[in-house]
Each structure stands twice: as structure tokens, then as C-alpha cells.
Amino acid sequence: MADPQTGDAVFDVLALSSNKGFVVDSYEDDAVGRLEKNAGGKFAVTHIELRPRIQSDGVNQPTQADLGWLHDKAHRECFIANSVTTEVRVIPAQ
């Protein structure tokens, strides 16, 4: 299932990257959502995983620690992640 959080996450990552002086050349995400019955027996998105990949070819390259911080901060600031009641996990690309 496609995840609307990907669109929100990319804007957060781009803004945070810019603030840190990183130039993002590309952002891809293999988002996955799980649709299951919830405790009330109704179908709901019960789990979301984001797998973002950021490509930066600028002079100021983000380290793995920088990327971890970007993903964590973007997730904590994400409007949609703060609005939904399902579990959302960010799994940075290896």
C-alpha cells in the first residue's frame, strides 16, 4: 500500500538538510503499510515502515550519524506521523 507519509517526510528531510548545509540530489522511499483488522474488528493501517534513501553529491556530505539524525528528527517533526495512531518506523537504507 502506498504511504502518504512519504510526501510529508521528504519535505521534512529537505528542510532539515538545508538547515545543516546538505544538498539533497534525490530522495527515494520504499514505504510499506500493513492493512489489518484492528482491535475493534475494523480494517485499519496498523503498521507503516519508511525506508528512505537520500543521495547527496554536494561538497558537504552527511555522515551516517547525520542521516540517522535527519531521519529521526524528520519523523519526530512529521505532521502526519504525529497525527496517525498506527506505529510508524523509519528504517534507514544501509
N, C-alpha and C. Protein backbone atom coordinates (compact mmCIF):
# COMPACT_ATOMS: atom_id res chain seq x y z
N MET A 1 0.84 -1.17 0.00
CA MET A 1 0.00 0.00 0.00
C MET A 1 0.89 1.23 0.00
N ALA A 2 0.57 2.21 -0.76
CA ALA A 2 1.34 3.46 -0.80
C ALA A 2 1.15 4.23 0.50
N ASP A 3 2.17 4.98 0.87
CA ASP A 3 2.12 5.69 2.15
C ASP A 3 2.14 7.19 1.94
N PRO A 4 1.11 7.90 2.38
CA PRO A 4 1.12 9.36 2.24
C PRO A 4 2.16 10.03 3.09
N GLN A 5 2.70 9.30 4.07
CA GLN A 5 3.73 9.91 4.92
C GLN A 5 5.00 10.19 4.15
N THR A 6 5.24 9.45 3.07
CA THR A 6 6.46 9.66 2.29
C THR A 6 6.54 11.11 1.83
N GLY A 7 5.44 11.67 1.34
CA GLY A 7 5.45 13.06 0.88
C GLY A 7 5.77 14.03 1.99
N ASP A 8 5.20 13.82 3.16
CA ASP A 8 5.46 14.68 4.30
C ASP A 8 6.91 14.52 4.76
N ALA A 9 7.39 13.29 4.80
CA ALA A 9 8.75 13.02 5.27
C ALA A 9 9.79 13.68 4.38
N VAL A 10 9.58 13.64 3.06
CA VAL A 10 10.58 14.22 2.17
C VAL A 10 10.71 15.73 2.40
N PHE A 11 9.60 16.43 2.65
CA PHE A 11 9.69 17.86 2.92
C PHE A 11 10.44 18.14 4.21
N ASP A 12 10.21 17.33 5.23
CA ASP A 12 10.92 17.49 6.49
C ASP A 12 12.42 17.25 6.30
N VAL A 13 12.77 16.18 5.59
CA VAL A 13 14.17 15.86 5.35
C VAL A 13 14.84 16.97 4.54
N LEU A 14 14.16 17.46 3.51
CA LEU A 14 14.74 18.53 2.69
C LEU A 14 14.98 19.80 3.50
N ALA A 15 14.03 20.18 4.32
CA ALA A 15 14.18 21.38 5.15
C ALA A 15 15.32 21.21 6.15
N LEU A 16 15.35 20.08 6.84
CA LEU A 16 16.40 19.85 7.83
C LEU A 16 17.77 19.76 7.16
N SER A 17 17.84 19.12 6.00
CA SER A 17 19.12 19.01 5.28
C SER A 17 19.63 20.39 4.89
N SER A 18 18.73 21.21 4.39
CA SER A 18 19.11 22.57 4.00
C SER A 18 19.64 23.35 5.19
N ASN A 19 18.97 23.21 6.34
CA ASN A 19 19.42 23.89 7.56
C ASN A 19 20.82 23.45 7.98
N LYS A 20 21.18 22.20 7.67
CA LYS A 20 22.51 21.68 8.03
C LYS A 20 23.55 21.92 6.93
N GLY A 21 23.12 22.50 5.80
CA GLY A 21 24.05 22.78 4.71
C GLY A 21 24.24 21.62 3.74
N PHE A 22 23.36 20.62 3.77
CA PHE A 22 23.45 19.49 2.85
C PHE A 22 22.56 19.76 1.64
N VAL A 23 23.04 19.36 0.48
CA VAL A 23 22.26 19.46 -0.75
C VAL A 23 21.75 18.06 -1.08
N VAL A 24 20.44 17.89 -1.12
CA VAL A 24 19.84 16.60 -1.44
C VAL A 24 19.58 16.55 -2.94
N ASP A 25 20.24 15.60 -3.61
CA ASP A 25 20.05 15.44 -5.05
C ASP A 25 18.88 14.51 -5.37
N SER A 26 18.64 13.54 -4.50
CA SER A 26 17.48 12.67 -4.70
C SER A 26 17.04 12.08 -3.37
N TYR A 27 15.76 11.78 -3.30
CA TYR A 27 15.15 11.16 -2.13
C TYR A 27 14.19 10.10 -2.65
N GLU A 28 14.41 8.88 -2.23
CA GLU A 28 13.52 7.78 -2.60
C GLU A 28 13.10 7.07 -1.32
N ASP A 29 11.94 6.47 -1.36
CA ASP A 29 11.44 5.78 -0.18
C ASP A 29 10.62 4.58 -0.62
N ASP A 30 10.95 3.41 -0.08
CA ASP A 30 10.18 2.19 -0.33
C ASP A 30 9.25 1.98 0.86
N ALA A 31 8.24 2.83 0.97
CA ALA A 31 7.31 2.79 2.10
C ALA A 31 6.39 1.58 1.97
N VAL A 32 6.09 0.97 3.12
CA VAL A 32 5.18 -0.18 3.18
C VAL A 32 4.21 0.05 4.31
N GLY A 33 2.93 -0.18 4.04
CA GLY A 33 1.91 -0.10 5.07
C GLY A 33 1.20 -1.43 5.18
N ARG A 34 0.81 -1.80 6.38
CA ARG A 34 0.11 -3.06 6.61
C ARG A 34 -1.35 -2.75 6.93
N LEU A 35 -2.25 -3.35 6.19
CA LEU A 35 -3.68 -3.20 6.40
C LEU A 35 -4.20 -4.47 7.07
N GLU A 36 -4.71 -4.31 8.29
CA GLU A 36 -5.20 -5.45 9.07
C GLU A 36 -6.43 -5.01 9.84
N LYS A 37 -7.10 -5.98 10.44
CA LYS A 37 -8.21 -5.63 11.33
C LYS A 37 -7.64 -5.16 12.66
N ASN A 38 -8.22 -4.08 13.18
CA ASN A 38 -7.78 -3.56 14.47
C ASN A 38 -8.53 -4.26 15.60
N ALA A 39 -8.33 -3.80 16.82
CA ALA A 39 -8.97 -4.43 17.99
C ALA A 39 -10.49 -4.40 17.90
N GLY A 40 -11.04 -3.43 17.17
CA GLY A 40 -12.49 -3.32 17.02
C GLY A 40 -13.02 -4.12 15.84
N GLY A 41 -12.15 -4.87 15.17
CA GLY A 41 -12.57 -5.68 14.04
C GLY A 41 -12.69 -4.92 12.73
N LYS A 42 -12.27 -3.65 12.70
CA LYS A 42 -12.33 -2.82 11.50
C LYS A 42 -10.97 -2.81 10.81
N PHE A 43 -10.99 -2.74 9.48
CA PHE A 43 -9.73 -2.65 8.76
C PHE A 43 -9.09 -1.28 9.01
N ALA A 44 -7.79 -1.31 9.25
CA ALA A 44 -7.04 -0.09 9.53
C ALA A 44 -5.59 -0.31 9.12
N VAL A 45 -4.89 0.78 8.83
CA VAL A 45 -3.45 0.70 8.62
C VAL A 45 -2.84 0.54 10.01
N THR A 46 -2.25 -0.60 10.27
CA THR A 46 -1.76 -0.91 11.61
C THR A 46 -0.26 -0.73 11.77
N HIS A 47 0.45 -0.58 10.66
CA HIS A 47 1.91 -0.51 10.74
C HIS A 47 2.42 0.14 9.46
N ILE A 48 3.37 1.04 9.60
CA ILE A 48 3.99 1.70 8.45
C ILE A 48 5.50 1.64 8.63
N GLU A 49 6.19 1.28 7.56
CA GLU A 49 7.65 1.33 7.56
C GLU A 49 8.10 2.23 6.42
N LEU A 50 8.96 3.16 6.73
CA LEU A 50 9.58 4.03 5.73
C LEU A 50 11.02 3.58 5.56
N ARG A 51 11.47 3.48 4.32
CA ARG A 51 12.85 3.09 4.03
C ARG A 51 13.49 4.15 3.12
N PRO A 52 13.76 5.32 3.68
CA PRO A 52 14.28 6.42 2.85
C PRO A 52 15.73 6.22 2.43
N ARG A 53 16.01 6.67 1.21
CA ARG A 53 17.37 6.72 0.68
C ARG A 53 17.61 8.14 0.19
N ILE A 54 18.64 8.76 0.73
CA ILE A 54 18.98 10.13 0.36
C ILE A 54 20.30 10.11 -0.39
N GLN A 55 20.32 10.77 -1.55
CA GLN A 55 21.55 10.91 -2.33
C GLN A 55 21.97 12.36 -2.28
N SER A 56 23.20 12.59 -1.83
CA SER A 56 23.74 13.94 -1.74
C SER A 56 25.12 13.96 -2.36
N ASP A 57 25.28 14.75 -3.40
CA ASP A 57 26.57 14.82 -4.09
C ASP A 57 27.28 16.15 -3.86
N GLY A 58 26.78 16.95 -2.92
CA GLY A 58 27.38 18.25 -2.66
C GLY A 58 28.71 18.14 -1.94
N VAL A 59 29.33 19.26 -1.72
CA VAL A 59 30.62 19.32 -1.03
C VAL A 59 30.46 18.87 0.43
N ASN A 60 29.42 19.32 1.08
CA ASN A 60 29.16 18.99 2.48
C ASN A 60 28.34 17.71 2.54
N GLN A 61 29.00 16.56 2.68
CA GLN A 61 28.34 15.25 2.68
C GLN A 61 27.88 14.85 4.09
N PRO A 62 26.63 14.41 4.23
CA PRO A 62 26.16 13.94 5.54
C PRO A 62 26.81 12.61 5.89
N THR A 63 27.19 12.45 7.14
CA THR A 63 27.72 11.18 7.64
C THR A 63 26.54 10.26 7.97
N GLN A 64 26.83 9.02 8.31
CA GLN A 64 25.76 8.10 8.73
C GLN A 64 25.07 8.64 9.98
N ALA A 65 25.83 9.27 10.87
CA ALA A 65 25.24 9.87 12.07
C ALA A 65 24.31 11.01 11.68
N ASP A 66 24.73 11.83 10.71
CA ASP A 66 23.88 12.92 10.23
C ASP A 66 22.58 12.38 9.64
N LEU A 67 22.69 11.32 8.82
CA LEU A 67 21.50 10.74 8.21
C LEU A 67 20.56 10.16 9.28
N GLY A 68 21.14 9.51 10.28
CA GLY A 68 20.32 9.00 11.38
C GLY A 68 19.59 10.12 12.09
N TRP A 69 20.30 11.22 12.35
CA TRP A 69 19.68 12.39 12.99
C TRP A 69 18.57 12.96 12.11
N LEU A 70 18.84 13.10 10.80
CA LEU A 70 17.84 13.65 9.88
C LEU A 70 16.56 12.82 9.88
N HIS A 71 16.72 11.49 9.79
CA HIS A 71 15.54 10.62 9.76
C HIS A 71 14.77 10.69 11.08
N ASP A 72 15.50 10.67 12.18
CA ASP A 72 14.85 10.72 13.49
C ASP A 72 14.13 12.05 13.70
N LYS A 73 14.80 13.14 13.42
CA LYS A 73 14.21 14.48 13.60
C LYS A 73 13.02 14.68 12.66
N ALA A 74 13.17 14.26 11.40
CA ALA A 74 12.08 14.41 10.43
C ALA A 74 10.86 13.62 10.90
N HIS A 75 11.08 12.42 11.43
CA HIS A 75 9.97 11.61 11.92
C HIS A 75 9.29 12.27 13.11
N ARG A 76 10.08 12.80 14.04
CA ARG A 76 9.51 13.45 15.23
C ARG A 76 8.75 14.73 14.87
N GLU A 77 9.16 15.41 13.81
CA GLU A 77 8.52 16.66 13.40
C GLU A 77 7.40 16.46 12.38
N CYS A 78 7.26 15.26 11.88
CA CYS A 78 6.31 14.96 10.80
C CYS A 78 4.86 15.14 11.25
N PHE A 79 4.14 16.01 10.55
CA PHE A 79 2.74 16.28 10.87
C PHE A 79 1.90 15.00 10.81
N ILE A 80 2.07 14.24 9.75
CA ILE A 80 1.26 13.03 9.60
C ILE A 80 1.63 12.00 10.66
N ALA A 81 2.92 11.80 10.91
CA ALA A 81 3.32 10.83 11.94
C ALA A 81 2.79 11.21 13.31
N ASN A 82 2.67 12.50 13.56
CA ASN A 82 2.13 12.96 14.83
C ASN A 82 0.61 12.92 14.87
N SER A 83 -0.01 12.63 13.73
CA SER A 83 -1.47 12.64 13.64
C SER A 83 -2.09 11.25 13.57
N VAL A 84 -1.34 10.27 13.09
CA VAL A 84 -1.90 8.92 12.95
C VAL A 84 -1.69 8.12 14.23
N THR A 85 -2.52 7.09 14.40
CA THR A 85 -2.44 6.29 15.62
C THR A 85 -1.72 4.97 15.40
N THR A 86 -1.22 4.73 14.22
CA THR A 86 -0.52 3.48 13.94
C THR A 86 0.97 3.62 14.22
N GLU A 87 1.65 2.52 14.37
CA GLU A 87 3.10 2.53 14.56
C GLU A 87 3.77 2.91 13.25
N VAL A 88 4.72 3.82 13.32
CA VAL A 88 5.49 4.22 12.15
C VAL A 88 6.96 4.03 12.50
N ARG A 89 7.66 3.25 11.67
CA ARG A 89 9.09 3.03 11.87
C ARG A 89 9.86 3.57 10.68
N VAL A 90 10.99 4.20 10.94
CA VAL A 90 11.89 4.64 9.88
C VAL A 90 13.10 3.72 9.91
N ILE A 91 13.36 3.07 8.78
CA ILE A 91 14.46 2.13 8.67
C ILE A 91 15.42 2.70 7.63
N PRO A 92 16.48 3.40 8.06
CA PRO A 92 17.41 4.00 7.11
C PRO A 92 18.05 2.95 6.20
N ALA A 93 18.28 3.32 4.95
CA ALA A 93 18.91 2.44 3.98
C ALA A 93 20.32 2.13 4.45
N GLN A 94 20.78 0.93 4.12
CA GLN A 94 22.14 0.52 4.50
C GLN A 94 23.15 0.98 3.49
